[in-house]
Structures are given as C-alpha cells and as structure tokens.
Amino acid sequence: MFCHDGCPGEMKKTEGMHHFVECGLENVFIENCTLFVCEACKKIVPLLPDAERAMPYITEQLIQKTGRLNSDEVLFLRKAAGLKAEELAKMLGVDRVTVSRWENAKSRIEGLFDLRLRKIVLERVLGPEQRGAARERNERLLESSYNGHITSERMTVRLPPAFVIAGIAEIEVGASGLG
C-alpha cells in the first residue's frame, strides 16, 4: 500500500496509541490501534474502529470517571443513549434549554443531574456485563467526597477484536480500562 499521489513512500502496518478525536471527545485514546505509517513522509493513517460498536466502551469509561462531566461528555452521553435534548430534559426534570447550556458549556451540569445522567445512560447503553462494574463505581462516587470538579482526564479505551469500519482489516485490542 502506497502513501498518496505526491509521496513515493510505502505504508507499513504497525500498532500504537491513537488519539480518537473522531468520537467527538478530546480525551479518548485507543490502545493497540492498527496504524499505517509512511516510510517516506511519516504520515500516520489509523484504522478506525466502528463508531457504533465502540460507543458502549467509551460510554462505560465516561460513566465511571471521577469528577463532573464536561460539556462534550454530556453531549456524547446523551447521543449514546439515543435521546433528544428534550427527552433527556424531561427524564432529568429540567427544561431543554438547561440541557443545551450544559452541552454548549454555558453552564456546568449540577452534581445530582450529572449522576442521574450517568444512571440513565448506564441503563440504556451498557450491556448487562458492563452495568455491574459501572453501578459499583457510581455508588462509590456517591459515597466518596464527590467534589464536583469538571475533569477531562485522559481515557484509554481498549476495544474487543475486529472493531473496524466495514471489515477493512482487523484491529487487535482487549478489555476496557482507564489510563
């Protein structure tokens, strides 16, 4: 496989860390991502995971993170749950404008609504095997000194094997975990 029209270099397959901004979050990295690197110009082309299949793994990480959710994370979780802003607002007992303000960083999501959003998403998105650990983590958040600070800690996501777009090639990865 060759790089591009103006580059005579050949692409070599390797594995490495990929900053997965394509998911809509700035703090998500994929471990053991299949990468193609041009020997000549050093261009790196990642083999991206299927976004629909990767979403529950990223969602699990977000639900279990410490600190309050930031605006991009609130938006990501709402979309992961398949909810319109109005639907989420009704479930949380707020108006649609409040949800919009959280998602556009016009105001911070309050602690109780943050935890309720995580619970809603946990039940709607995660499979039974993922729910247990996420529930335990959320209970520990409630019991701990939940300081309510918004955090954007780095999240390293490990996806199951063969999570690639349209089966172009394989991506070799394992179980999820924070990094």
Foldseek 3Di string as FASTA:
>chain_A
DADDDVDRFDWDKDFAKDQPCVLVARQEIEHRWIWTATPTPRDIDTQDFQSLQCLQQVLLVLLLDAAFAQLSNLVSLCVLLVHDLQRLCVVLVHHSVVNVCRNVVVDPDDDVSRLVSSVSSLVRHDDPVSSVVSVVSSVVCVVDPRVRHHDSHHAYFWDPWQRGPPCPDIGHTDHGDGD
